[in-house]
Amino acid sequence: MKFKIETNPYGNKKTMFRKKNIEINPGLTVLVGCNGSGKTTLLQQIKKIVTDKGISCMNYDNVSDNKHNTIADAVYLGNFDIVAQQYCSSEGEGIIQNIGRLAGQIGNTVAMCKTKDEKELFILIDAVDSGLSVDAINEIKMDLFDIILEEPLDVYLIVSANDYTMVRNEQCFDVYTGNYKSFKDYEDYYKFIMKSRERKDKRDGNDN
């Protein structure tokens, strides 16, 4: 699907994205770039565009949907089993539990799309690999992402990530250039991140 995005979304004369027009392929797309390069901002723009078009869209943000907010919501709803689970779990375990609930929500949304005979579904996940071990990331890729992509829909599963484990063997989207790319190994990815950081520092006026 093609998107027309704001290259300077904050109106501060600092170009965050090089292309005004980008295209995202169906399937799993991993947004790549250093912290602060614009991954979350691009996800937010995609969400607004898709929602405005009336296309079904789910969003999971590891910043706003983290352990503490899960506990607060559970207390409000009186679900003290979840409160106990969250308090007794590590950060990574808490994220896994949240993603487990997300998987259930995705299943319900997919079922709704089928009932309405909708052909497209966007699932946006921000910072999905934060706080997770390599094994947990691989588990998410195999036990969640692969199952989602088996659905008979044009599923656009767009995630932002920093860990090479999530990036490896996937179609990656450079948020700055607006192009898809792949990485042959960790060293290749590391060089890309360092270049992305240099570009971000120059944009923000931090290059000394």
N, C-alpha and C. Protein backbone atom coordinates (compact mmCIF):
# COMPACT_ATOMS: atom_id res chain seq x y z
N MET A 1 0.84 -1.19 0.00
CA MET A 1 0.00 0.00 0.00
C MET A 1 0.88 1.24 0.00
N LYS A 2 0.44 2.27 -0.71
CA LYS A 2 1.20 3.50 -0.80
C LYS A 2 0.71 4.51 0.24
N PHE A 3 1.66 5.25 0.80
CA PHE A 3 1.37 6.25 1.82
C PHE A 3 2.04 7.57 1.46
N LYS A 4 1.32 8.66 1.66
CA LYS A 4 1.92 9.98 1.54
C LYS A 4 2.12 10.50 2.96
N ILE A 5 3.37 10.70 3.34
CA ILE A 5 3.69 11.05 4.72
C ILE A 5 4.30 12.45 4.81
N GLU A 6 4.30 12.97 6.02
CA GLU A 6 4.94 14.25 6.30
C GLU A 6 6.42 13.99 6.59
N THR A 7 7.30 14.58 5.78
CA THR A 7 8.73 14.36 5.99
C THR A 7 9.26 15.18 7.16
N ASN A 8 8.55 16.27 7.50
CA ASN A 8 8.91 17.12 8.64
C ASN A 8 7.70 17.19 9.57
N PRO A 9 7.38 16.08 10.25
CA PRO A 9 6.11 15.98 10.98
C PRO A 9 5.97 16.94 12.15
N TYR A 10 7.07 17.46 12.66
CA TYR A 10 7.00 18.34 13.84
C TYR A 10 7.19 19.81 13.49
N GLY A 11 7.30 20.10 12.20
CA GLY A 11 7.37 21.49 11.76
C GLY A 11 8.54 22.26 12.32
N ASN A 12 9.66 21.59 12.53
CA ASN A 12 10.83 22.25 13.12
C ASN A 12 11.99 22.41 12.14
N LYS A 13 11.67 22.31 10.85
CA LYS A 13 12.67 22.45 9.78
C LYS A 13 13.74 21.37 9.82
N LYS A 14 13.45 20.26 10.50
CA LYS A 14 14.37 19.14 10.56
C LYS A 14 13.74 17.94 9.86
N THR A 15 14.25 17.61 8.69
CA THR A 15 13.67 16.53 7.90
C THR A 15 13.94 15.18 8.55
N MET A 16 12.87 14.48 8.87
CA MET A 16 12.99 13.16 9.50
C MET A 16 12.99 12.05 8.46
N PHE A 17 12.21 12.24 7.38
CA PHE A 17 12.09 11.23 6.34
C PHE A 17 12.44 11.85 4.99
N ARG A 18 13.15 11.09 4.16
CA ARG A 18 13.60 11.63 2.88
C ARG A 18 12.50 11.62 1.83
N LYS A 19 11.62 10.61 1.88
CA LYS A 19 10.58 10.46 0.86
C LYS A 19 9.22 10.90 1.39
N LYS A 20 8.46 11.59 0.53
CA LYS A 20 7.08 11.94 0.87
C LYS A 20 6.14 10.78 0.56
N ASN A 21 6.51 9.97 -0.41
CA ASN A 21 5.67 8.85 -0.82
C ASN A 21 6.43 7.54 -0.60
N ILE A 22 5.85 6.67 0.22
CA ILE A 22 6.47 5.38 0.50
C ILE A 22 5.46 4.28 0.21
N GLU A 23 5.97 3.06 0.12
CA GLU A 23 5.10 1.91 -0.11
C GLU A 23 5.49 0.79 0.85
N ILE A 24 4.49 0.25 1.54
CA ILE A 24 4.69 -0.84 2.49
C ILE A 24 4.08 -2.11 1.91
N ASN A 25 4.85 -3.19 1.93
CA ASN A 25 4.39 -4.46 1.38
C ASN A 25 3.57 -5.23 2.42
N PRO A 26 2.64 -6.08 1.96
CA PRO A 26 1.96 -6.98 2.91
C PRO A 26 2.98 -7.92 3.55
N GLY A 27 2.61 -8.49 4.69
CA GLY A 27 3.53 -9.37 5.39
C GLY A 27 4.21 -8.62 6.53
N LEU A 28 5.30 -9.19 7.02
CA LEU A 28 6.04 -8.59 8.13
C LEU A 28 7.04 -7.58 7.60
N THR A 29 6.95 -6.36 8.09
CA THR A 29 7.92 -5.30 7.80
C THR A 29 8.51 -4.82 9.11
N VAL A 30 9.84 -4.84 9.21
CA VAL A 30 10.51 -4.37 10.41
C VAL A 30 11.10 -2.99 10.13
N LEU A 31 10.62 -1.98 10.84
CA LEU A 31 11.16 -0.63 10.69
C LEU A 31 12.50 -0.55 11.40
N VAL A 32 13.51 -0.03 10.70
CA VAL A 32 14.85 0.01 11.27
C VAL A 32 15.42 1.43 11.23
N GLY A 33 16.25 1.70 12.22
CA GLY A 33 16.91 2.99 12.39
C GLY A 33 17.29 3.10 13.85
N CYS A 34 18.20 4.02 14.16
CA CYS A 34 18.61 4.18 15.55
C CYS A 34 17.47 4.75 16.38
N ASN A 35 17.61 4.75 17.69
CA ASN A 35 16.63 5.39 18.56
C ASN A 35 16.51 6.86 18.20
N GLY A 36 15.28 7.33 18.01
CA GLY A 36 15.07 8.72 17.65
C GLY A 36 15.08 8.99 16.16
N SER A 37 15.23 7.93 15.36
CA SER A 37 15.31 8.12 13.91
C SER A 37 13.94 8.34 13.27
N GLY A 38 12.86 7.98 13.98
CA GLY A 38 11.53 8.22 13.43
C GLY A 38 10.66 6.99 13.29
N LYS A 39 11.05 5.86 13.88
CA LYS A 39 10.26 4.63 13.73
C LYS A 39 8.87 4.79 14.32
N THR A 40 8.79 5.29 15.55
CA THR A 40 7.49 5.49 16.20
C THR A 40 6.67 6.53 15.47
N THR A 41 7.31 7.61 15.05
CA THR A 41 6.61 8.67 14.32
C THR A 41 6.01 8.14 13.02
N LEU A 42 6.76 7.30 12.31
CA LEU A 42 6.24 6.72 11.07
C LEU A 42 5.06 5.80 11.36
N LEU A 43 5.16 5.00 12.41
CA LEU A 43 4.04 4.13 12.78
C LEU A 43 2.79 4.95 13.07
N GLN A 44 2.95 6.07 13.75
CA GLN A 44 1.81 6.94 14.08
C GLN A 44 1.19 7.51 12.81
N GLN A 45 2.01 7.90 11.85
CA GLN A 45 1.48 8.43 10.59
C GLN A 45 0.72 7.35 9.82
N ILE A 46 1.30 6.15 9.78
CA ILE A 46 0.64 5.03 9.09
C ILE A 46 -0.70 4.73 9.74
N LYS A 47 -0.72 4.71 11.07
CA LYS A 47 -1.96 4.43 11.79
C LYS A 47 -3.05 5.43 11.42
N LYS A 48 -2.72 6.70 11.40
CA LYS A 48 -3.71 7.73 11.09
C LYS A 48 -4.23 7.59 9.67
N ILE A 49 -3.32 7.35 8.72
CA ILE A 49 -3.73 7.22 7.32
C ILE A 49 -4.65 6.02 7.15
N VAL A 50 -4.25 4.88 7.73
CA VAL A 50 -5.04 3.66 7.59
C VAL A 50 -6.41 3.82 8.26
N THR A 51 -6.43 4.39 9.46
CA THR A 51 -7.68 4.58 10.18
C THR A 51 -8.61 5.52 9.42
N ASP A 52 -8.06 6.58 8.86
CA ASP A 52 -8.86 7.53 8.08
C ASP A 52 -9.49 6.87 6.86
N LYS A 53 -8.84 5.84 6.34
CA LYS A 53 -9.37 5.12 5.18
C LYS A 53 -10.40 4.06 5.58
N GLY A 54 -10.59 3.88 6.89
CA GLY A 54 -11.56 2.90 7.36
C GLY A 54 -11.06 1.48 7.32
N ILE A 55 -9.75 1.28 7.24
CA ILE A 55 -9.17 -0.06 7.22
C ILE A 55 -8.92 -0.52 8.66
N SER A 56 -9.21 -1.76 8.95
CA SER A 56 -9.01 -2.28 10.30
C SER A 56 -7.55 -2.19 10.69
N CYS A 57 -7.31 -1.67 11.91
CA CYS A 57 -5.94 -1.45 12.36
C CYS A 57 -5.85 -1.70 13.85
N MET A 58 -4.84 -2.48 14.27
CA MET A 58 -4.56 -2.70 15.68
C MET A 58 -3.21 -2.11 16.00
N ASN A 59 -3.06 -1.59 17.22
CA ASN A 59 -1.82 -0.94 17.60
C ASN A 59 -1.40 -1.41 18.98
N TYR A 60 -0.13 -1.81 19.10
CA TYR A 60 0.46 -2.16 20.40
C TYR A 60 1.71 -1.32 20.57
N ASP A 61 1.74 -0.53 21.62
CA ASP A 61 2.88 0.34 21.91
C ASP A 61 3.48 -0.10 23.23
N ASN A 62 4.73 -0.55 23.19
CA ASN A 62 5.37 -1.05 24.39
C ASN A 62 5.62 0.04 25.43
N VAL A 63 5.49 1.31 25.02
CA VAL A 63 5.64 2.41 25.97
C VAL A 63 4.34 2.62 26.75
N SER A 64 3.22 2.67 26.03
CA SER A 64 1.93 2.93 26.69
C SER A 64 1.24 1.66 27.16
N ASP A 65 1.58 0.51 26.58
CA ASP A 65 0.94 -0.76 26.96
C ASP A 65 1.88 -1.61 27.79
N ASN A 66 2.69 -0.97 28.61
CA ASN A 66 3.68 -1.70 29.37
C ASN A 66 3.09 -2.26 30.66
N LYS A 67 3.97 -2.81 31.49
CA LYS A 67 3.55 -3.51 32.71
C LYS A 67 2.74 -2.61 33.65
N HIS A 68 3.20 -1.38 33.88
CA HIS A 68 2.54 -0.52 34.85
C HIS A 68 1.12 -0.16 34.41
N ASN A 69 0.94 0.12 33.12
CA ASN A 69 -0.40 0.44 32.64
C ASN A 69 -1.31 -0.78 32.68
N THR A 70 -0.73 -1.95 32.42
CA THR A 70 -1.51 -3.18 32.51
C THR A 70 -2.02 -3.38 33.94
N ILE A 71 -1.15 -3.13 34.92
CA ILE A 71 -1.56 -3.26 36.33
C ILE A 71 -2.66 -2.27 36.66
N ALA A 72 -2.50 -1.02 36.22
CA ALA A 72 -3.51 0.00 36.51
C ALA A 72 -4.86 -0.37 35.91
N ASP A 73 -4.85 -0.86 34.67
CA ASP A 73 -6.10 -1.27 34.03
C ASP A 73 -6.73 -2.46 34.77
N ALA A 74 -5.89 -3.40 35.19
CA ALA A 74 -6.40 -4.59 35.89
C ALA A 74 -7.01 -4.21 37.24
N VAL A 75 -6.38 -3.29 37.95
CA VAL A 75 -6.93 -2.82 39.23
C VAL A 75 -8.28 -2.16 39.01
N TYR A 76 -8.36 -1.32 37.97
CA TYR A 76 -9.61 -0.61 37.68
C TYR A 76 -10.73 -1.60 37.37
N LEU A 77 -10.38 -2.69 36.68
CA LEU A 77 -11.39 -3.68 36.29
C LEU A 77 -11.60 -4.75 37.36
N GLY A 78 -10.80 -4.69 38.43
CA GLY A 78 -10.95 -5.66 39.51
C GLY A 78 -10.39 -7.02 39.19
N ASN A 79 -9.48 -7.09 38.18
CA ASN A 79 -8.89 -8.37 37.81
C ASN A 79 -7.57 -8.54 38.55
N PHE A 80 -7.65 -9.02 39.79
CA PHE A 80 -6.47 -9.05 40.65
C PHE A 80 -5.56 -10.24 40.35
N ASP A 81 -6.03 -11.21 39.57
CA ASP A 81 -5.14 -12.28 39.13
C ASP A 81 -4.05 -11.71 38.22
N ILE A 82 -4.46 -10.82 37.31
CA ILE A 82 -3.49 -10.19 36.42
C ILE A 82 -2.55 -9.29 37.21
N VAL A 83 -3.08 -8.58 38.19
CA VAL A 83 -2.24 -7.72 39.04
C VAL A 83 -1.14 -8.55 39.69
N ALA A 84 -1.52 -9.69 40.26
CA ALA A 84 -0.54 -10.56 40.93
C ALA A 84 0.49 -11.08 39.93
N GLN A 85 0.04 -11.50 38.77
CA GLN A 85 0.96 -12.02 37.76
C GLN A 85 1.98 -10.96 37.35
N GLN A 86 1.51 -9.73 37.14
CA GLN A 86 2.39 -8.66 36.69
C GLN A 86 3.40 -8.27 37.77
N TYR A 87 2.95 -8.20 39.02
CA TYR A 87 3.86 -7.82 40.10
C TYR A 87 4.94 -8.88 40.33
N CYS A 88 4.61 -10.13 40.06
CA CYS A 88 5.55 -11.22 40.33
C CYS A 88 6.41 -11.56 39.11
N SER A 89 6.23 -10.85 38.02
CA SER A 89 6.97 -11.17 36.80
C SER A 89 8.07 -10.15 36.55
N SER A 90 9.08 -10.57 35.80
CA SER A 90 10.12 -9.67 35.36
C SER A 90 9.58 -8.78 34.25
N GLU A 91 10.40 -7.81 33.82
CA GLU A 91 9.96 -6.94 32.72
C GLU A 91 9.67 -7.75 31.46
N GLY A 92 10.59 -8.67 31.13
CA GLY A 92 10.40 -9.48 29.93
C GLY A 92 9.17 -10.36 30.02
N GLU A 93 8.96 -10.98 31.20
CA GLU A 93 7.77 -11.83 31.40
C GLU A 93 6.50 -11.01 31.29
N GLY A 94 6.54 -9.77 31.84
CA GLY A 94 5.38 -8.89 31.75
C GLY A 94 5.04 -8.56 30.31
N ILE A 95 6.08 -8.29 29.50
CA ILE A 95 5.85 -7.99 28.09
C ILE A 95 5.27 -9.20 27.37
N ILE A 96 5.81 -10.38 27.68
CA ILE A 96 5.28 -11.61 27.05
C ILE A 96 3.81 -11.79 27.40
N GLN A 97 3.43 -11.52 28.66
CA GLN A 97 2.03 -11.64 29.05
C GLN A 97 1.17 -10.63 28.29
N ASN A 98 1.67 -9.40 28.15
CA ASN A 98 0.93 -8.39 27.40
C ASN A 98 0.76 -8.79 25.95
N ILE A 99 1.83 -9.32 25.36
CA ILE A 99 1.76 -9.75 23.96
C ILE A 99 0.82 -10.94 23.82
N GLY A 100 0.77 -11.79 24.86
CA GLY A 100 -0.18 -12.89 24.84
C GLY A 100 -1.62 -12.39 24.76
N ARG A 101 -1.91 -11.33 25.54
CA ARG A 101 -3.25 -10.74 25.47
C ARG A 101 -3.46 -10.07 24.11
N LEU A 102 -2.38 -9.46 23.58
CA LEU A 102 -2.48 -8.86 22.25
C LEU A 102 -2.82 -9.91 21.20
N ALA A 103 -2.23 -11.11 21.33
CA ALA A 103 -2.51 -12.19 20.38
C ALA A 103 -3.99 -12.54 20.38
N GLY A 104 -4.59 -12.55 21.58
CA GLY A 104 -6.03 -12.81 21.66
C GLY A 104 -6.84 -11.72 20.98
N GLN A 105 -6.43 -10.47 21.15
CA GLN A 105 -7.12 -9.35 20.50
C GLN A 105 -6.98 -9.43 18.99
N ILE A 106 -5.78 -9.82 18.54
CA ILE A 106 -5.56 -9.97 17.10
C ILE A 106 -6.47 -11.05 16.53
N GLY A 107 -6.58 -12.16 17.29
CA GLY A 107 -7.46 -13.24 16.83
C GLY A 107 -8.90 -12.77 16.68
N ASN A 108 -9.38 -11.99 17.64
CA ASN A 108 -10.74 -11.46 17.56
C ASN A 108 -10.90 -10.51 16.38
N THR A 109 -9.88 -9.68 16.13
CA THR A 109 -9.95 -8.73 15.02
C THR A 109 -9.95 -9.45 13.68
N VAL A 110 -9.11 -10.48 13.57
CA VAL A 110 -9.07 -11.27 12.33
C VAL A 110 -10.44 -11.91 12.07
N ALA A 111 -11.05 -12.45 13.13
CA ALA A 111 -12.37 -13.06 12.99
C ALA A 111 -13.40 -12.03 12.53
N MET A 112 -13.32 -10.82 13.09
CA MET A 112 -14.24 -9.76 12.70
C MET A 112 -14.04 -9.37 11.24
N CYS A 113 -12.77 -9.31 10.80
CA CYS A 113 -12.48 -8.97 9.40
C CYS A 113 -13.09 -10.02 8.47
N LYS A 114 -12.98 -11.27 8.86
CA LYS A 114 -13.55 -12.34 8.03
C LYS A 114 -15.07 -12.23 7.97
N THR A 115 -15.68 -11.92 9.10
CA THR A 115 -17.14 -11.78 9.14
C THR A 115 -17.60 -10.64 8.23
N LYS A 116 -16.85 -9.55 8.24
CA LYS A 116 -17.20 -8.39 7.43
C LYS A 116 -16.67 -8.49 6.00
N ASP A 117 -15.98 -9.60 5.70
CA ASP A 117 -15.39 -9.83 4.38
C ASP A 117 -14.39 -8.73 4.01
N GLU A 118 -13.66 -8.26 5.03
CA GLU A 118 -12.61 -7.28 4.77
C GLU A 118 -11.36 -8.01 4.27
N LYS A 119 -10.61 -7.34 3.41
CA LYS A 119 -9.46 -7.98 2.77
C LYS A 119 -8.12 -7.56 3.36
N GLU A 120 -8.10 -6.48 4.15
CA GLU A 120 -6.84 -5.95 4.65
C GLU A 120 -6.91 -5.75 6.17
N LEU A 121 -5.76 -5.94 6.82
CA LEU A 121 -5.65 -5.71 8.25
C LEU A 121 -4.25 -5.19 8.54
N PHE A 122 -4.17 -4.09 9.27
CA PHE A 122 -2.89 -3.54 9.70
C PHE A 122 -2.69 -3.82 11.18
N ILE A 123 -1.53 -4.35 11.53
CA ILE A 123 -1.15 -4.58 12.92
C ILE A 123 0.18 -3.86 13.14
N LEU A 124 0.16 -2.85 13.99
CA LEU A 124 1.33 -2.02 14.23
C LEU A 124 1.84 -2.28 15.65
N ILE A 125 3.10 -2.68 15.77
CA ILE A 125 3.68 -3.01 17.07
C ILE A 125 4.97 -2.22 17.24
N ASP A 126 5.01 -1.37 18.25
CA ASP A 126 6.16 -0.50 18.48
C ASP A 126 7.05 -1.06 19.58
N ALA A 127 8.36 -1.13 19.30
CA ALA A 127 9.37 -1.57 20.28
C ALA A 127 9.05 -2.95 20.84
N VAL A 128 8.69 -3.86 19.97
CA VAL A 128 8.23 -5.18 20.42
C VAL A 128 9.35 -5.97 21.10
N ASP A 129 10.61 -5.68 20.76
CA ASP A 129 11.70 -6.49 21.30
C ASP A 129 12.30 -5.91 22.57
N SER A 130 11.77 -4.79 23.05
CA SER A 130 12.33 -4.16 24.24
C SER A 130 12.16 -5.03 25.48
N GLY A 131 13.27 -5.31 26.17
CA GLY A 131 13.22 -6.09 27.41
C GLY A 131 13.12 -7.58 27.22
N LEU A 132 13.22 -8.06 25.98
CA LEU A 132 13.06 -9.49 25.72
C LEU A 132 14.40 -10.15 25.44
N SER A 133 14.48 -11.42 25.78
CA SER A 133 15.67 -12.21 25.47
C SER A 133 15.63 -12.62 24.01
N VAL A 134 16.77 -13.11 23.52
CA VAL A 134 16.84 -13.60 22.14
C VAL A 134 15.83 -14.72 21.93
N ASP A 135 15.73 -15.64 22.89
CA ASP A 135 14.79 -16.76 22.77
C ASP A 135 13.36 -16.27 22.69
N ALA A 136 13.02 -15.26 23.52
CA ALA A 136 11.65 -14.74 23.52
C ALA A 136 11.32 -14.07 22.19
N ILE A 137 12.29 -13.34 21.63
CA ILE A 137 12.06 -12.70 20.33
C ILE A 137 11.81 -13.74 19.26
N ASN A 138 12.62 -14.79 19.25
CA ASN A 138 12.42 -15.86 18.27
C ASN A 138 11.06 -16.53 18.46
N GLU A 139 10.66 -16.68 19.72
CA GLU A 139 9.36 -17.30 20.02
C GLU A 139 8.22 -16.45 19.46
N ILE A 140 8.33 -15.12 19.62
CA ILE A 140 7.30 -14.23 19.10
C ILE A 140 7.23 -14.33 17.58
N LYS A 141 8.39 -14.38 16.95
CA LYS A 141 8.41 -14.45 15.48
C LYS A 141 7.77 -15.73 14.98
N MET A 142 8.06 -16.84 15.66
CA MET A 142 7.56 -18.13 15.19
C MET A 142 6.13 -18.41 15.64
N ASP A 143 5.82 -18.08 16.89
CA ASP A 143 4.53 -18.49 17.46
C ASP A 143 3.44 -17.43 17.33
N LEU A 144 3.82 -16.20 17.01
CA LEU A 144 2.81 -15.15 16.84
C LEU A 144 2.79 -14.63 15.41
N PHE A 145 3.92 -14.14 14.95
CA PHE A 145 3.96 -13.52 13.63
C PHE A 145 3.64 -14.51 12.51
N ASP A 146 4.24 -15.70 12.57
CA ASP A 146 4.00 -16.68 11.50
C ASP A 146 2.54 -17.09 11.43
N ILE A 147 1.90 -17.23 12.59
CA ILE A 147 0.49 -17.62 12.63
C ILE A 147 -0.38 -16.51 12.06
N ILE A 148 -0.07 -15.26 12.43
CA ILE A 148 -0.84 -14.12 11.91
C ILE A 148 -0.78 -14.08 10.39
N LEU A 149 0.41 -14.29 9.86
CA LEU A 149 0.62 -14.14 8.41
C LEU A 149 0.05 -15.31 7.61
N GLU A 150 -0.39 -16.37 8.31
CA GLU A 150 -1.04 -17.48 7.62
C GLU A 150 -2.51 -17.19 7.32
N GLU A 151 -3.05 -16.12 7.90
CA GLU A 151 -4.46 -15.79 7.70
C GLU A 151 -4.72 -15.40 6.25
N PRO A 152 -5.90 -15.75 5.72
CA PRO A 152 -6.24 -15.45 4.33
C PRO A 152 -6.65 -13.99 4.15
N LEU A 153 -5.81 -13.08 4.60
CA LEU A 153 -6.03 -11.64 4.47
C LEU A 153 -4.72 -11.02 4.00
N ASP A 154 -4.80 -9.80 3.47
CA ASP A 154 -3.59 -9.02 3.25
C ASP A 154 -3.24 -8.38 4.59
N VAL A 155 -2.41 -9.07 5.36
CA VAL A 155 -2.02 -8.57 6.67
C VAL A 155 -0.74 -7.77 6.54
N TYR A 156 -0.79 -6.54 7.03
CA TYR A 156 0.39 -5.68 7.08
C TYR A 156 0.83 -5.65 8.55
N LEU A 157 1.83 -6.43 8.86
CA LEU A 157 2.36 -6.51 10.22
C LEU A 157 3.62 -5.67 10.27
N ILE A 158 3.50 -4.47 10.84
CA ILE A 158 4.61 -3.51 10.83
C ILE A 158 5.10 -3.32 12.25
N VAL A 159 6.37 -3.64 12.49
CA VAL A 159 6.92 -3.55 13.83
C VAL A 159 8.19 -2.70 13.81
N SER A 160 8.42 -2.00 14.92
CA SER A 160 9.70 -1.31 15.09
C SER A 160 10.55 -2.13 16.05
N ALA A 161 11.84 -2.19 15.78
CA ALA A 161 12.71 -3.02 16.60
C ALA A 161 14.14 -2.49 16.58
N ASN A 162 14.90 -2.86 17.59
CA ASN A 162 16.31 -2.51 17.66
C ASN A 162 17.22 -3.74 17.65
N ASP A 163 16.72 -4.85 18.16
CA ASP A 163 17.54 -6.05 18.30
C ASP A 163 17.72 -6.76 16.95
N TYR A 164 18.94 -7.17 16.67
CA TYR A 164 19.23 -7.83 15.40
C TYR A 164 18.45 -9.13 15.25
N THR A 165 18.11 -9.77 16.36
CA THR A 165 17.35 -11.02 16.30
C THR A 165 16.02 -10.82 15.59
N MET A 166 15.36 -9.66 15.84
CA MET A 166 14.10 -9.38 15.18
C MET A 166 14.31 -9.03 13.71
N VAL A 167 15.43 -8.41 13.42
CA VAL A 167 15.71 -7.92 12.06
C VAL A 167 16.17 -9.06 11.13
N ARG A 168 16.87 -10.04 11.68
CA ARG A 168 17.51 -11.08 10.89
C ARG A 168 16.52 -11.83 10.00
N ASN A 169 16.86 -11.94 8.72
CA ASN A 169 16.09 -12.69 7.72
C ASN A 169 14.71 -12.11 7.44
N GLU A 170 14.49 -10.84 7.79
CA GLU A 170 13.20 -10.21 7.54
C GLU A 170 13.35 -9.07 6.54
N GLN A 171 12.21 -8.67 5.92
CA GLN A 171 12.26 -7.50 5.06
C GLN A 171 12.21 -6.26 5.97
N CYS A 172 13.26 -5.47 5.89
CA CYS A 172 13.40 -4.31 6.76
C CYS A 172 13.19 -3.03 5.97
N PHE A 173 12.64 -2.03 6.64
CA PHE A 173 12.31 -0.77 6.00
C PHE A 173 13.08 0.34 6.69
N ASP A 174 14.00 0.96 5.95
CA ASP A 174 14.78 2.08 6.46
C ASP A 174 13.86 3.30 6.53
N VAL A 175 13.57 3.76 7.74
CA VAL A 175 12.58 4.83 7.90
C VAL A 175 13.06 6.14 7.27
N TYR A 176 14.37 6.34 7.20
CA TYR A 176 14.87 7.59 6.62
C TYR A 176 14.80 7.58 5.09
N THR A 177 15.33 6.55 4.45
CA THR A 177 15.36 6.53 2.99
C THR A 177 14.02 6.14 2.38
N GLY A 178 13.19 5.42 3.17
CA GLY A 178 11.90 4.97 2.63
C GLY A 178 12.03 3.78 1.71
N ASN A 179 13.12 3.02 1.86
CA ASN A 179 13.37 1.85 1.01
C ASN A 179 13.52 0.59 1.86
N TYR A 180 13.16 -0.54 1.24
CA TYR A 180 13.39 -1.83 1.89
C TYR A 180 14.86 -2.22 1.75
N LYS A 181 15.37 -2.92 2.76
CA LYS A 181 16.74 -3.39 2.71
C LYS A 181 16.85 -4.67 3.53
N SER A 182 17.96 -5.36 3.36
CA SER A 182 18.24 -6.56 4.15
C SER A 182 19.66 -6.46 4.68
N PHE A 183 19.93 -7.27 5.69
CA PHE A 183 21.25 -7.26 6.32
C PHE A 183 21.84 -8.65 6.25
N LYS A 184 23.10 -8.73 5.81
CA LYS A 184 23.72 -10.04 5.64
C LYS A 184 24.18 -10.64 6.96
N ASP A 185 24.47 -9.77 7.95
CA ASP A 185 24.90 -10.26 9.25
C ASP A 185 24.81 -9.13 10.27
N TYR A 186 25.19 -9.44 11.52
CA TYR A 186 25.09 -8.44 12.58
C TYR A 186 25.98 -7.24 12.30
N GLU A 187 27.17 -7.47 11.77
CA GLU A 187 28.10 -6.37 11.51
C GLU A 187 27.51 -5.39 10.49
N ASP A 188 26.85 -5.93 9.48
CA ASP A 188 26.20 -5.09 8.47
C ASP A 188 25.10 -4.24 9.11
N TYR A 189 24.33 -4.85 10.02
CA TYR A 189 23.27 -4.12 10.71
C TYR A 189 23.86 -3.05 11.64
N TYR A 190 24.93 -3.39 12.34
CA TYR A 190 25.58 -2.46 13.26
C TYR A 190 26.07 -1.22 12.49
N LYS A 191 26.67 -1.42 11.34
CA LYS A 191 27.14 -0.29 10.54
C LYS A 191 25.98 0.60 10.12
N PHE A 192 24.86 -0.02 9.78
CA PHE A 192 23.67 0.74 9.39
C PHE A 192 23.17 1.60 10.56
N ILE A 193 23.12 1.02 11.75
CA ILE A 193 22.65 1.76 12.93
C ILE A 193 23.58 2.92 13.24
N MET A 194 24.88 2.71 13.13
CA MET A 194 25.84 3.80 13.39
C MET A 194 25.66 4.93 12.38
N LYS A 195 25.43 4.59 11.13
CA LYS A 195 25.20 5.61 10.10
C LYS A 195 23.89 6.35 10.38
N SER A 196 22.87 5.60 10.82
CA SER A 196 21.59 6.21 11.16
C SER A 196 21.75 7.18 12.32
N ARG A 197 22.58 6.81 13.30
CA ARG A 197 22.80 7.69 14.45
C ARG A 197 23.55 8.96 14.04
N GLU A 198 24.53 8.82 13.16
CA GLU A 198 25.26 10.00 12.68
C GLU A 198 24.31 10.96 11.98
N ARG A 199 23.41 10.39 11.17
CA ARG A 199 22.45 11.22 10.44
C ARG A 199 21.49 11.91 11.42
N LYS A 200 21.04 11.18 12.43
CA LYS A 200 20.14 11.76 13.43
C LYS A 200 20.83 12.90 14.19
N ASP A 201 22.08 12.66 14.61
CA ASP A 201 22.82 13.69 15.35
C ASP A 201 23.02 14.94 14.50
N LYS A 202 23.28 14.75 13.24
CA LYS A 202 23.44 15.90 12.34
C LYS A 202 22.13 16.65 12.20
N ARG A 203 21.04 15.91 12.07
CA ARG A 203 19.71 16.51 11.96
C ARG A 203 19.38 17.32 13.20
N ASP A 204 19.73 16.79 14.36
CA ASP A 204 19.38 17.44 15.62
C ASP A 204 20.43 18.46 16.07
N GLY A 205 21.48 18.61 15.27
CA GLY A 205 22.51 19.59 15.62
C GLY A 205 23.41 19.14 16.72
N ASN A 206 23.60 17.81 16.85
CA ASN A 206 24.44 17.29 17.94
C ASN A 206 25.81 16.84 17.46
N ASP A 207 26.12 17.09 16.18
CA ASP A 207 27.43 16.67 15.67
C ASP A 207 28.48 17.72 16.04
N ASN A 208 29.42 17.31 16.85
CA ASN A 208 30.43 18.25 17.33
C ASN A 208 31.72 18.13 16.52
